[in-house]
Amino acid sequence: MLKEASRRNSVCRDIVGSDWDTWRPQRWLADGILRSREPLDTCMFGHGPRQCPGMFFANTVGPWVLAEIARRYCIAPWEGPPLGAHTTFTTCPVKDVRLRLSRRL
């Protein structure tokens, strides 16, 4: 469904082209280097008329919540292996991440 909706979106069509089912990785390259293709770089909130209505709220409140956590707690550095990301409906780490927080005095 997302693929079909994206095909109908003129912004997506202008960026990706009409040959979605054709293997054409060069559509993402410029002189052999991966190039940014906004607004398709991230799909966390979707794009166009079906964009998540909570996007602006999340982008406003999310940083505030993280700032409050950083203000109130000391966060121990990550000591595990490099984190990998997995994207399905949302983007999340491949494995659970456990952080150690200690209350600031």
N, C-alpha and C. Protein backbone atom coordinates (compact mmCIF):
# COMPACT_ATOMS: atom_id res chain seq x y z
N MET A 1 0.81 -1.19 0.00
CA MET A 1 0.00 0.00 0.00
C MET A 1 0.87 1.26 0.00
N LEU A 2 1.92 1.27 0.84
CA LEU A 2 2.81 2.42 0.91
C LEU A 2 3.49 2.64 -0.44
N LYS A 3 3.90 1.54 -1.07
CA LYS A 3 4.57 1.63 -2.36
C LYS A 3 3.63 2.24 -3.40
N GLU A 4 2.39 1.79 -3.42
CA GLU A 4 1.43 2.31 -4.40
C GLU A 4 1.11 3.78 -4.13
N ALA A 5 0.97 4.14 -2.86
CA ALA A 5 0.71 5.55 -2.52
C ALA A 5 1.89 6.42 -2.93
N SER A 6 3.10 5.92 -2.75
CA SER A 6 4.29 6.67 -3.13
C SER A 6 4.38 6.84 -4.64
N ARG A 7 3.95 5.82 -5.39
CA ARG A 7 3.96 5.92 -6.85
C ARG A 7 3.06 7.04 -7.33
N ARG A 8 1.97 7.27 -6.62
CA ARG A 8 1.00 8.28 -7.03
C ARG A 8 1.43 9.69 -6.61
N ASN A 9 2.38 9.78 -5.69
CA ASN A 9 2.85 11.07 -5.18
C ASN A 9 3.82 11.67 -6.19
N SER A 10 3.53 12.87 -6.67
CA SER A 10 4.36 13.49 -7.71
C SER A 10 5.78 13.76 -7.23
N VAL A 11 5.97 14.10 -5.96
CA VAL A 11 7.31 14.36 -5.43
C VAL A 11 8.14 13.08 -5.51
N CYS A 12 7.57 11.96 -5.07
CA CYS A 12 8.28 10.68 -5.13
C CYS A 12 8.58 10.30 -6.57
N ARG A 13 7.63 10.50 -7.45
CA ARG A 13 7.81 10.14 -8.86
C ARG A 13 8.94 10.98 -9.47
N ASP A 14 9.00 12.26 -9.13
CA ASP A 14 10.06 13.13 -9.67
C ASP A 14 11.44 12.68 -9.18
N ILE A 15 11.53 12.22 -7.95
CA ILE A 15 12.80 11.82 -7.38
C ILE A 15 13.23 10.43 -7.83
N VAL A 16 12.32 9.48 -7.72
CA VAL A 16 12.65 8.07 -7.96
C VAL A 16 12.42 7.66 -9.40
N GLY A 17 11.47 8.26 -10.06
CA GLY A 17 11.13 7.86 -11.41
C GLY A 17 9.90 6.96 -11.40
N SER A 18 9.49 6.53 -12.56
CA SER A 18 8.29 5.70 -12.65
C SER A 18 8.61 4.21 -12.69
N ASP A 19 9.88 3.86 -12.72
CA ASP A 19 10.27 2.45 -12.83
C ASP A 19 10.65 1.84 -11.47
N TRP A 20 9.74 1.90 -10.52
CA TRP A 20 9.99 1.41 -9.17
C TRP A 20 10.40 -0.06 -9.14
N ASP A 21 9.84 -0.87 -10.00
CA ASP A 21 10.10 -2.30 -9.97
C ASP A 21 11.38 -2.70 -10.71
N THR A 22 12.08 -1.74 -11.27
CA THR A 22 13.32 -2.00 -11.99
C THR A 22 14.50 -1.79 -11.05
N TRP A 23 15.41 -2.76 -11.04
CA TRP A 23 16.63 -2.63 -10.22
C TRP A 23 17.50 -1.58 -10.87
N ARG A 24 17.57 -0.40 -10.24
CA ARG A 24 18.33 0.71 -10.79
C ARG A 24 18.95 1.49 -9.63
N PRO A 25 19.99 0.94 -9.00
CA PRO A 25 20.59 1.61 -7.84
C PRO A 25 21.21 2.97 -8.15
N GLN A 26 21.54 3.23 -9.40
CA GLN A 26 22.15 4.52 -9.74
C GLN A 26 21.21 5.70 -9.51
N ARG A 27 19.91 5.43 -9.35
CA ARG A 27 18.98 6.53 -9.06
C ARG A 27 19.31 7.20 -7.73
N TRP A 28 20.05 6.51 -6.86
CA TRP A 28 20.42 7.05 -5.55
C TRP A 28 21.85 7.59 -5.54
N LEU A 29 22.52 7.56 -6.69
CA LEU A 29 23.93 7.95 -6.74
C LEU A 29 24.13 9.21 -7.58
N ALA A 30 25.16 9.96 -7.23
CA ALA A 30 25.61 11.10 -8.02
C ALA A 30 27.12 10.96 -8.14
N ASP A 31 27.62 10.75 -9.33
CA ASP A 31 29.06 10.51 -9.55
C ASP A 31 29.57 9.36 -8.71
N GLY A 32 28.75 8.31 -8.56
CA GLY A 32 29.17 7.12 -7.82
C GLY A 32 29.07 7.26 -6.31
N ILE A 33 28.55 8.37 -5.81
CA ILE A 33 28.45 8.62 -4.37
C ILE A 33 26.98 8.70 -3.99
N LEU A 34 26.63 8.07 -2.88
CA LEU A 34 25.26 8.11 -2.40
C LEU A 34 24.84 9.55 -2.14
N ARG A 35 23.72 9.96 -2.70
CA ARG A 35 23.28 11.34 -2.54
C ARG A 35 22.00 11.42 -1.71
N SER A 36 21.80 12.55 -1.10
CA SER A 36 20.61 12.79 -0.31
C SER A 36 19.43 12.97 -1.24
N ARG A 37 18.31 12.37 -0.87
CA ARG A 37 17.09 12.48 -1.68
C ARG A 37 15.93 12.89 -0.80
N GLU A 38 16.04 14.09 -0.21
CA GLU A 38 14.95 14.56 0.64
C GLU A 38 13.69 14.70 -0.19
N PRO A 39 12.54 14.43 0.29
CA PRO A 39 12.19 14.04 1.65
C PRO A 39 12.17 12.53 1.87
N LEU A 40 12.82 11.79 0.98
CA LEU A 40 12.78 10.33 1.08
C LEU A 40 13.92 9.74 1.90
N ASP A 41 14.80 10.57 2.45
CA ASP A 41 15.92 10.06 3.24
C ASP A 41 15.45 9.29 4.46
N THR A 42 14.41 9.77 5.08
CA THR A 42 13.83 9.06 6.22
C THR A 42 12.33 8.99 6.02
N CYS A 43 11.77 7.90 6.42
CA CYS A 43 10.31 7.73 6.24
C CYS A 43 9.63 7.53 7.58
N MET A 44 10.21 8.05 8.64
CA MET A 44 9.64 7.85 9.97
C MET A 44 8.21 8.34 10.07
N PHE A 45 7.93 9.47 9.46
CA PHE A 45 6.61 10.07 9.58
C PHE A 45 5.84 10.03 8.27
N GLY A 46 6.39 9.39 7.27
CA GLY A 46 5.73 9.37 5.98
C GLY A 46 5.95 10.68 5.25
N HIS A 47 5.21 10.87 4.17
CA HIS A 47 5.39 12.06 3.36
C HIS A 47 4.10 12.35 2.61
N GLY A 48 3.87 13.60 2.35
CA GLY A 48 2.73 14.00 1.54
C GLY A 48 1.43 14.02 2.31
N PRO A 49 0.31 13.80 1.62
CA PRO A 49 -1.00 13.93 2.26
C PRO A 49 -1.26 12.88 3.35
N ARG A 50 -0.51 11.80 3.36
CA ARG A 50 -0.69 10.76 4.37
C ARG A 50 0.36 10.85 5.48
N GLN A 51 1.02 11.98 5.55
CA GLN A 51 2.05 12.21 6.57
C GLN A 51 1.44 12.12 7.96
N CYS A 52 2.20 11.61 8.91
CA CYS A 52 1.74 11.46 10.29
C CYS A 52 1.33 12.82 10.87
N PRO A 53 0.11 12.91 11.39
CA PRO A 53 -0.34 14.18 11.95
C PRO A 53 0.40 14.55 13.24
N GLY A 54 1.06 13.61 13.87
CA GLY A 54 1.79 13.89 15.11
C GLY A 54 3.24 14.25 14.89
N MET A 55 3.68 14.40 13.64
CA MET A 55 5.09 14.66 13.35
C MET A 55 5.59 15.93 14.03
N PHE A 56 4.87 17.02 13.90
CA PHE A 56 5.34 18.29 14.47
C PHE A 56 5.37 18.23 15.99
N PHE A 57 4.38 17.55 16.58
CA PHE A 57 4.37 17.38 18.04
C PHE A 57 5.59 16.57 18.47
N ALA A 58 5.85 15.45 17.79
CA ALA A 58 6.99 14.60 18.15
C ALA A 58 8.31 15.33 17.96
N ASN A 59 8.44 16.10 16.90
CA ASN A 59 9.67 16.84 16.65
C ASN A 59 9.87 18.00 17.62
N THR A 60 8.79 18.46 18.24
CA THR A 60 8.89 19.52 19.23
C THR A 60 9.11 18.96 20.63
N VAL A 61 8.32 17.99 21.01
CA VAL A 61 8.37 17.45 22.37
C VAL A 61 9.52 16.47 22.55
N GLY A 62 9.85 15.70 21.51
CA GLY A 62 10.92 14.70 21.62
C GLY A 62 12.24 15.29 22.10
N PRO A 63 12.77 16.32 21.45
CA PRO A 63 14.02 16.92 21.92
C PRO A 63 13.90 17.49 23.34
N TRP A 64 12.74 18.02 23.68
CA TRP A 64 12.54 18.55 25.03
C TRP A 64 12.64 17.42 26.06
N VAL A 65 12.01 16.29 25.78
CA VAL A 65 12.07 15.15 26.69
C VAL A 65 13.52 14.67 26.83
N LEU A 66 14.24 14.55 25.73
CA LEU A 66 15.64 14.13 25.79
C LEU A 66 16.50 15.13 26.57
N ALA A 67 16.22 16.42 26.40
CA ALA A 67 16.96 17.44 27.16
C ALA A 67 16.69 17.32 28.65
N GLU A 68 15.45 17.05 29.03
CA GLU A 68 15.12 16.87 30.44
C GLU A 68 15.80 15.64 31.03
N ILE A 69 15.86 14.56 30.28
CA ILE A 69 16.56 13.35 30.74
C ILE A 69 18.04 13.66 30.93
N ALA A 70 18.65 14.35 29.96
CA ALA A 70 20.07 14.70 30.06
C ALA A 70 20.32 15.67 31.22
N ARG A 71 19.35 16.54 31.52
CA ARG A 71 19.51 17.49 32.63
C ARG A 71 19.44 16.79 33.98
N ARG A 72 18.58 15.78 34.08
CA ARG A 72 18.34 15.13 35.37
C ARG A 72 19.22 13.91 35.64
N TYR A 73 19.80 13.32 34.59
CA TYR A 73 20.55 12.08 34.76
C TYR A 73 21.89 12.14 34.04
N CYS A 74 22.87 11.43 34.60
CA CYS A 74 24.13 11.19 33.91
C CYS A 74 23.94 9.89 33.12
N ILE A 75 24.29 9.90 31.87
CA ILE A 75 24.11 8.73 31.02
C ILE A 75 25.49 8.13 30.76
N ALA A 76 25.67 6.86 31.18
CA ALA A 76 26.96 6.19 30.99
C ALA A 76 27.17 5.90 29.50
N PRO A 77 28.39 6.00 29.02
CA PRO A 77 28.67 5.72 27.61
C PRO A 77 28.31 4.27 27.25
N TRP A 78 27.88 4.07 26.03
CA TRP A 78 27.55 2.73 25.53
C TRP A 78 28.83 1.90 25.45
N GLU A 79 28.80 0.71 26.02
CA GLU A 79 29.98 -0.15 26.05
C GLU A 79 29.82 -1.42 25.22
N GLY A 80 28.74 -1.52 24.51
CA GLY A 80 28.49 -2.71 23.70
C GLY A 80 29.06 -2.59 22.29
N PRO A 81 28.72 -3.56 21.45
CA PRO A 81 29.18 -3.51 20.06
C PRO A 81 28.48 -2.38 19.31
N PRO A 82 28.98 -2.04 18.13
CA PRO A 82 28.32 -0.99 17.34
C PRO A 82 26.85 -1.34 17.11
N LEU A 83 26.01 -0.33 17.20
CA LEU A 83 24.58 -0.55 17.03
C LEU A 83 24.20 -0.57 15.56
N GLY A 84 23.32 -1.47 15.22
CA GLY A 84 22.78 -1.53 13.87
C GLY A 84 21.33 -1.10 13.91
N ALA A 85 20.82 -0.58 12.82
CA ALA A 85 19.43 -0.13 12.77
C ALA A 85 18.61 -1.08 11.90
N HIS A 86 17.36 -1.23 12.27
CA HIS A 86 16.42 -2.06 11.52
C HIS A 86 15.19 -1.21 11.25
N THR A 87 14.80 -1.08 10.00
CA THR A 87 13.65 -0.24 9.65
C THR A 87 12.49 -1.11 9.19
N THR A 88 11.39 -0.98 9.87
CA THR A 88 10.13 -1.59 9.45
C THR A 88 9.13 -0.46 9.44
N PHE A 89 8.16 -0.48 10.35
CA PHE A 89 7.23 0.64 10.46
C PHE A 89 7.95 1.85 11.07
N THR A 90 8.89 1.58 11.98
CA THR A 90 9.74 2.62 12.56
C THR A 90 11.19 2.15 12.48
N THR A 91 12.12 3.03 12.75
CA THR A 91 13.53 2.66 12.79
C THR A 91 13.92 2.41 14.23
N CYS A 92 14.54 1.27 14.49
CA CYS A 92 14.94 0.92 15.85
C CYS A 92 16.23 0.13 15.80
N PRO A 93 16.92 0.00 16.94
CA PRO A 93 18.15 -0.79 16.97
C PRO A 93 17.85 -2.26 16.69
N VAL A 94 18.83 -2.96 16.13
CA VAL A 94 18.67 -4.38 15.83
C VAL A 94 18.50 -5.18 17.12
N LYS A 95 19.27 -4.83 18.15
CA LYS A 95 19.19 -5.50 19.45
C LYS A 95 18.80 -4.50 20.52
N ASP A 96 18.30 -5.01 21.64
CA ASP A 96 17.96 -4.13 22.75
C ASP A 96 19.18 -3.35 23.22
N VAL A 97 18.98 -2.12 23.63
CA VAL A 97 20.05 -1.26 24.12
C VAL A 97 19.77 -0.97 25.59
N ARG A 98 20.73 -1.28 26.43
CA ARG A 98 20.58 -0.98 27.86
C ARG A 98 21.57 0.12 28.24
N LEU A 99 21.01 1.23 28.71
CA LEU A 99 21.84 2.34 29.16
C LEU A 99 21.80 2.43 30.67
N ARG A 100 22.87 2.93 31.24
CA ARG A 100 22.91 3.14 32.69
C ARG A 100 22.72 4.63 32.96
N LEU A 101 21.72 4.94 33.76
CA LEU A 101 21.44 6.32 34.16
C LEU A 101 21.68 6.46 35.65
N SER A 102 22.27 7.57 36.05
CA SER A 102 22.38 7.86 37.48
C SER A 102 21.89 9.28 37.69
N ARG A 103 21.11 9.45 38.76
CA ARG A 103 20.48 10.74 39.06
C ARG A 103 21.56 11.79 39.35
N ARG A 104 21.44 12.94 38.72
CA ARG A 104 22.37 14.05 39.00
C ARG A 104 22.02 14.63 40.37
N LEU A 105 23.01 15.04 41.10
CA LEU A 105 22.78 15.61 42.43
C LEU A 105 22.56 17.10 42.37
